[in-house]
């Protein structure tokens, strides 16, 4: 048995936050997961079993919602004079809070703008290698690494499929040539029998 040659590694994090890596060899793809004190797992997927590969990126929706809420709170606190509204209450705790509102309205506004910017510029990527029975993958550090990994994986799958087709063709030609030789031997044997009669 020949040893497998490692071609490329891609570090990923799965949906539960467990770090791991995808490894391409000349024969199959692996996913190694390190669960810390809870164990270690490896999933091997032969290239001929792969039915699909997906690389994607998407924006995080909750960043948009939270940023919009904070931005709206900041705008509302600036537009409505909340300080004078809170200082009109007779409770001392609420009156003391009015001095903090002046500071908090700008914090809400800046936090909302910051989260909206994160929503726009942070696009986590995801890679999935799908088979009929399992799916391996995760979130890589960036989209370009995942794209290069998938391009290399697809080229290895095509290369293996082309090698398998050529091998099948060789086997069928061997089989047909063997049967042709057998038929030729049978024909010559029959002709010799006719000449001997």
Protein backbone atom coordinates (compact mmCIF):
# COMPACT_ATOMS: atom_id res chain seq x y z
CA UNK A 1 0.00 0.00 0.00
CA UNK A 2 1.46 3.35 -1.03
CA UNK A 3 1.46 6.21 1.47
CA UNK A 4 -0.84 9.13 0.77
CA UNK A 5 0.73 12.43 -0.23
CA UNK A 6 -0.67 15.53 1.46
CA UNK A 7 -1.39 18.28 -1.05
CA UNK A 8 -3.08 21.12 0.86
CA UNK A 9 -4.52 22.03 4.29
CA UNK A 10 -7.25 24.48 5.15
CA UNK A 11 -7.97 25.48 8.75
CA UNK A 12 -11.69 25.78 9.50
CA UNK A 13 -14.09 26.29 12.41
CA UNK A 14 -17.41 24.44 12.36
CA UNK A 15 -20.82 25.75 13.46
CA UNK A 16 -20.29 24.69 17.07
CA UNK A 17 -17.00 26.61 17.27
CA UNK A 18 -14.73 23.55 17.18
CA UNK A 19 -11.55 24.14 15.25
CA UNK A 20 -10.33 21.66 12.70
CA UNK A 21 -8.75 21.35 9.31
CA UNK A 22 -9.57 20.01 5.88
CA UNK A 23 -6.73 18.06 4.27
CA UNK A 24 -6.41 17.06 0.62
CA UNK A 25 -4.29 14.06 -0.27
CA UNK A 26 -3.76 12.36 -3.61
CA UNK A 27 -6.47 9.79 -2.77
CA UNK A 28 -9.08 11.42 -0.51
CA UNK A 29 -10.12 14.45 1.54
CA UNK A 30 -10.02 14.42 5.36
CA UNK A 31 -11.57 16.58 8.05
CA UNK A 32 -9.76 16.53 11.38
CA UNK A 33 -11.58 17.96 14.41
CA UNK A 34 -9.92 18.61 17.73
CA UNK A 35 -12.56 18.56 20.48
CA UNK A 36 -10.04 19.33 23.20
CA UNK A 37 -10.40 17.09 26.23
CA UNK A 38 -13.49 15.48 24.66
CA UNK A 39 -11.56 13.76 21.87
CA UNK A 40 -10.41 13.94 18.31
CA UNK A 41 -12.23 12.84 15.17
CA UNK A 42 -11.28 12.30 11.55
CA UNK A 43 -13.68 11.94 8.64
CA UNK A 44 -12.27 10.59 5.36
CA UNK A 45 -14.08 11.13 2.06
CA UNK A 46 -12.83 9.37 -1.10
CA UNK A 47 -12.91 11.57 -4.18
CA UNK A 48 -15.26 9.29 -6.10
CA UNK A 49 -17.85 9.61 -3.27
CA UNK A 50 -17.98 13.43 -3.44
CA UNK A 51 -21.23 14.59 -4.96
CA UNK A 52 -20.81 18.34 -4.52
CA UNK A 53 -18.56 21.14 -3.29
CA UNK A 54 -19.86 24.49 -2.09
CA UNK A 55 -17.98 27.68 -1.25
CA UNK A 56 -20.02 30.65 -0.12
CA UNK A 57 -19.97 33.83 1.91
CA UNK A 58 -22.81 35.69 3.53
CA UNK A 59 -23.40 38.68 5.70
CA UNK A 60 -24.43 38.22 9.33
CA UNK A 61 -28.06 39.30 9.70
CA UNK A 62 -28.05 39.81 13.47
CA UNK A 63 -25.30 42.45 13.11
CA UNK A 64 -27.61 44.42 10.85
CA UNK A 65 -30.58 44.17 13.23
CA UNK A 66 -28.60 45.04 16.37
CA UNK A 67 -26.77 47.88 14.61
CA UNK A 68 -30.04 49.31 13.33
CA UNK A 69 -31.63 49.16 16.80
CA UNK A 70 -28.65 50.88 18.46
CA UNK A 71 -28.46 53.49 15.70
CA UNK A 72 -32.19 54.23 16.06
CA UNK A 73 -31.85 54.50 19.86
CA UNK A 74 -28.96 56.93 19.46
CA UNK A 75 -30.87 59.07 16.95
CA UNK A 76 -33.97 59.01 19.16
CA UNK A 77 -31.95 60.01 22.25
CA UNK A 78 -30.37 62.92 20.35
CA UNK A 79 -33.62 64.07 18.71
CA UNK A 80 -35.74 63.91 21.87
CA UNK A 81 -34.31 65.71 24.84
CA UNK A 82 -34.27 62.69 27.13
CA UNK A 83 -32.20 64.48 29.77
CA UNK A 84 -34.88 67.04 30.59
CA UNK A 85 -37.53 64.31 30.47
CA UNK A 86 -35.66 62.19 33.02
CA UNK A 87 -34.70 65.12 35.26
CA UNK A 88 -38.37 66.08 35.63
CA UNK A 89 -38.96 62.88 37.60
CA UNK A 90 -38.77 63.31 41.32
CA UNK A 91 -36.88 60.12 41.97
CA UNK A 92 -33.25 60.77 42.73
CA UNK A 93 -32.00 57.65 40.91
CA UNK A 94 -33.75 58.64 37.68
CA UNK A 95 -32.47 62.20 37.99
CA UNK A 96 -28.91 60.90 38.37
CA UNK A 97 -29.39 58.75 35.29
CA UNK A 98 -30.09 61.85 33.20
CA UNK A 99 -26.42 62.85 33.31
CA UNK A 100 -25.42 59.44 31.90
CA UNK A 101 -27.94 59.65 29.07
CA UNK A 102 -25.98 62.49 27.50
CA UNK A 103 -23.01 60.16 27.21
CA UNK A 104 -25.00 57.01 26.33
CA UNK A 105 -26.85 58.49 23.37
CA UNK A 106 -23.54 59.00 21.54
CA UNK A 107 -22.35 55.54 22.59
CA UNK A 108 -25.52 54.01 21.12
CA UNK A 109 -25.11 56.02 17.93
CA UNK A 110 -21.44 55.06 17.48
CA UNK A 111 -22.06 51.41 18.41
CA UNK A 112 -24.90 51.24 15.87
CA UNK A 113 -22.71 52.74 13.15
CA UNK A 114 -19.88 50.34 14.09
CA UNK A 115 -22.14 47.28 13.90
CA UNK A 116 -23.59 48.40 10.56
CA UNK A 117 -20.06 48.77 9.21
CA UNK A 118 -19.19 45.29 10.52
CA UNK A 119 -22.31 43.96 8.82
CA UNK A 120 -21.25 45.47 5.52
CA UNK A 121 -17.55 44.57 5.52
CA UNK A 122 -17.41 41.28 7.46
CA UNK A 123 -18.49 38.40 5.22
CA UNK A 124 -17.68 35.02 6.74
CA UNK A 125 -17.00 32.29 4.20
CA UNK A 126 -18.14 28.69 4.38
CA UNK A 127 -16.94 25.56 2.62
CA UNK A 128 -18.81 22.25 2.36
CA UNK A 129 -17.78 18.98 0.76
CA UNK A 130 -20.92 16.91 0.28
CA UNK A 131 -21.36 13.18 -0.18
CA UNK A 132 -24.59 11.17 -0.20
CA UNK A 133 -24.05 10.18 3.45
CA UNK A 134 -22.15 13.04 5.10
CA UNK A 135 -21.03 16.64 4.76
CA UNK A 136 -17.67 17.95 5.94
CA UNK A 137 -16.56 21.54 6.05
CA UNK A 138 -16.62 24.70 8.11
CA UNK A 139 -15.75 28.39 8.11
CA UNK A 140 -12.22 29.19 6.86
CA UNK A 141 -10.31 32.36 7.69
CA UNK A 142 -11.06 33.96 4.31
CA UNK A 143 -12.96 33.31 1.12
CA UNK A 144 -9.96 33.21 -1.23
CA UNK A 145 -8.29 30.34 0.66
CA UNK A 146 -11.54 28.37 0.52
CA UNK A 147 -11.90 29.10 -3.19
CA UNK A 148 -8.35 27.91 -3.95
CA UNK A 149 -8.93 24.79 -1.84
CA UNK A 150 -12.12 23.95 -3.76
CA UNK A 151 -10.49 24.60 -7.13
CA UNK A 152 -7.68 22.22 -6.21
CA UNK A 153 -10.20 19.64 -4.93
CA UNK A 154 -12.21 19.81 -8.15
CA UNK A 155 -9.07 19.44 -10.27
CA UNK A 156 -8.07 16.37 -8.23
CA UNK A 157 -11.55 14.88 -8.68
CA UNK A 158 -11.39 15.49 -12.45
CA UNK A 159 -7.89 14.05 -12.61
CA UNK A 160 -8.94 10.94 -10.72
CA UNK A 161 -12.05 10.55 -12.89
CA UNK A 162 -9.95 10.87 -16.06
CA UNK A 163 -7.45 8.33 -14.68
CA UNK A 164 -10.29 5.97 -13.77
CA UNK A 165 -11.83 6.29 -17.24
CA UNK A 166 -8.47 5.61 -18.90
CA UNK A 167 -7.94 2.58 -16.65
CA UNK A 168 -11.41 1.25 -17.50
CA UNK A 169 -10.69 1.76 -21.19
CA UNK A 170 -7.43 -0.17 -20.85
CA UNK A 171 -9.23 -2.99 -19.05
CA UNK A 172 -11.96 -3.17 -21.68
CA UNK A 173 -9.38 -3.17 -24.49
CA UNK A 174 -7.48 -5.93 -22.67
CA UNK A 175 -10.71 -7.88 -22.29
CA UNK A 176 -11.71 -7.37 -25.94
CA UNK A 177 -8.21 -8.20 -27.19
CA UNK A 178 -8.17 -11.34 -25.04
CA UNK A 179 -11.56 -12.42 -26.38
CA UNK A 180 -10.46 -11.63 -29.94
CA UNK A 181 -7.34 -13.76 -29.49
CA UNK A 182 -9.46 -16.56 -28.06
CA UNK A 183 -11.86 -16.33 -31.01
CA UNK A 184 -8.95 -16.34 -33.45
CA UNK A 185 -7.52 -19.46 -31.77
CA UNK A 186 -10.91 -21.15 -31.96
CA UNK A 187 -11.24 -20.29 -35.66
CA UNK A 188 -7.78 -21.61 -36.49
CA UNK A 189 -8.51 -24.75 -34.48
CA UNK A 190 -11.75 -25.25 -36.43
CA UNK A 191 -9.94 -24.71 -39.76
CA UNK A 192 -7.27 -27.23 -38.78
CA UNK A 193 -10.00 -29.76 -37.93
CA UNK A 194 -11.55 -29.20 -41.37
CA UNK A 195 -8.21 -29.75 -43.09
CA UNK A 196 -7.61 -32.95 -41.17
CA UNK A 197 -10.94 -34.40 -42.20
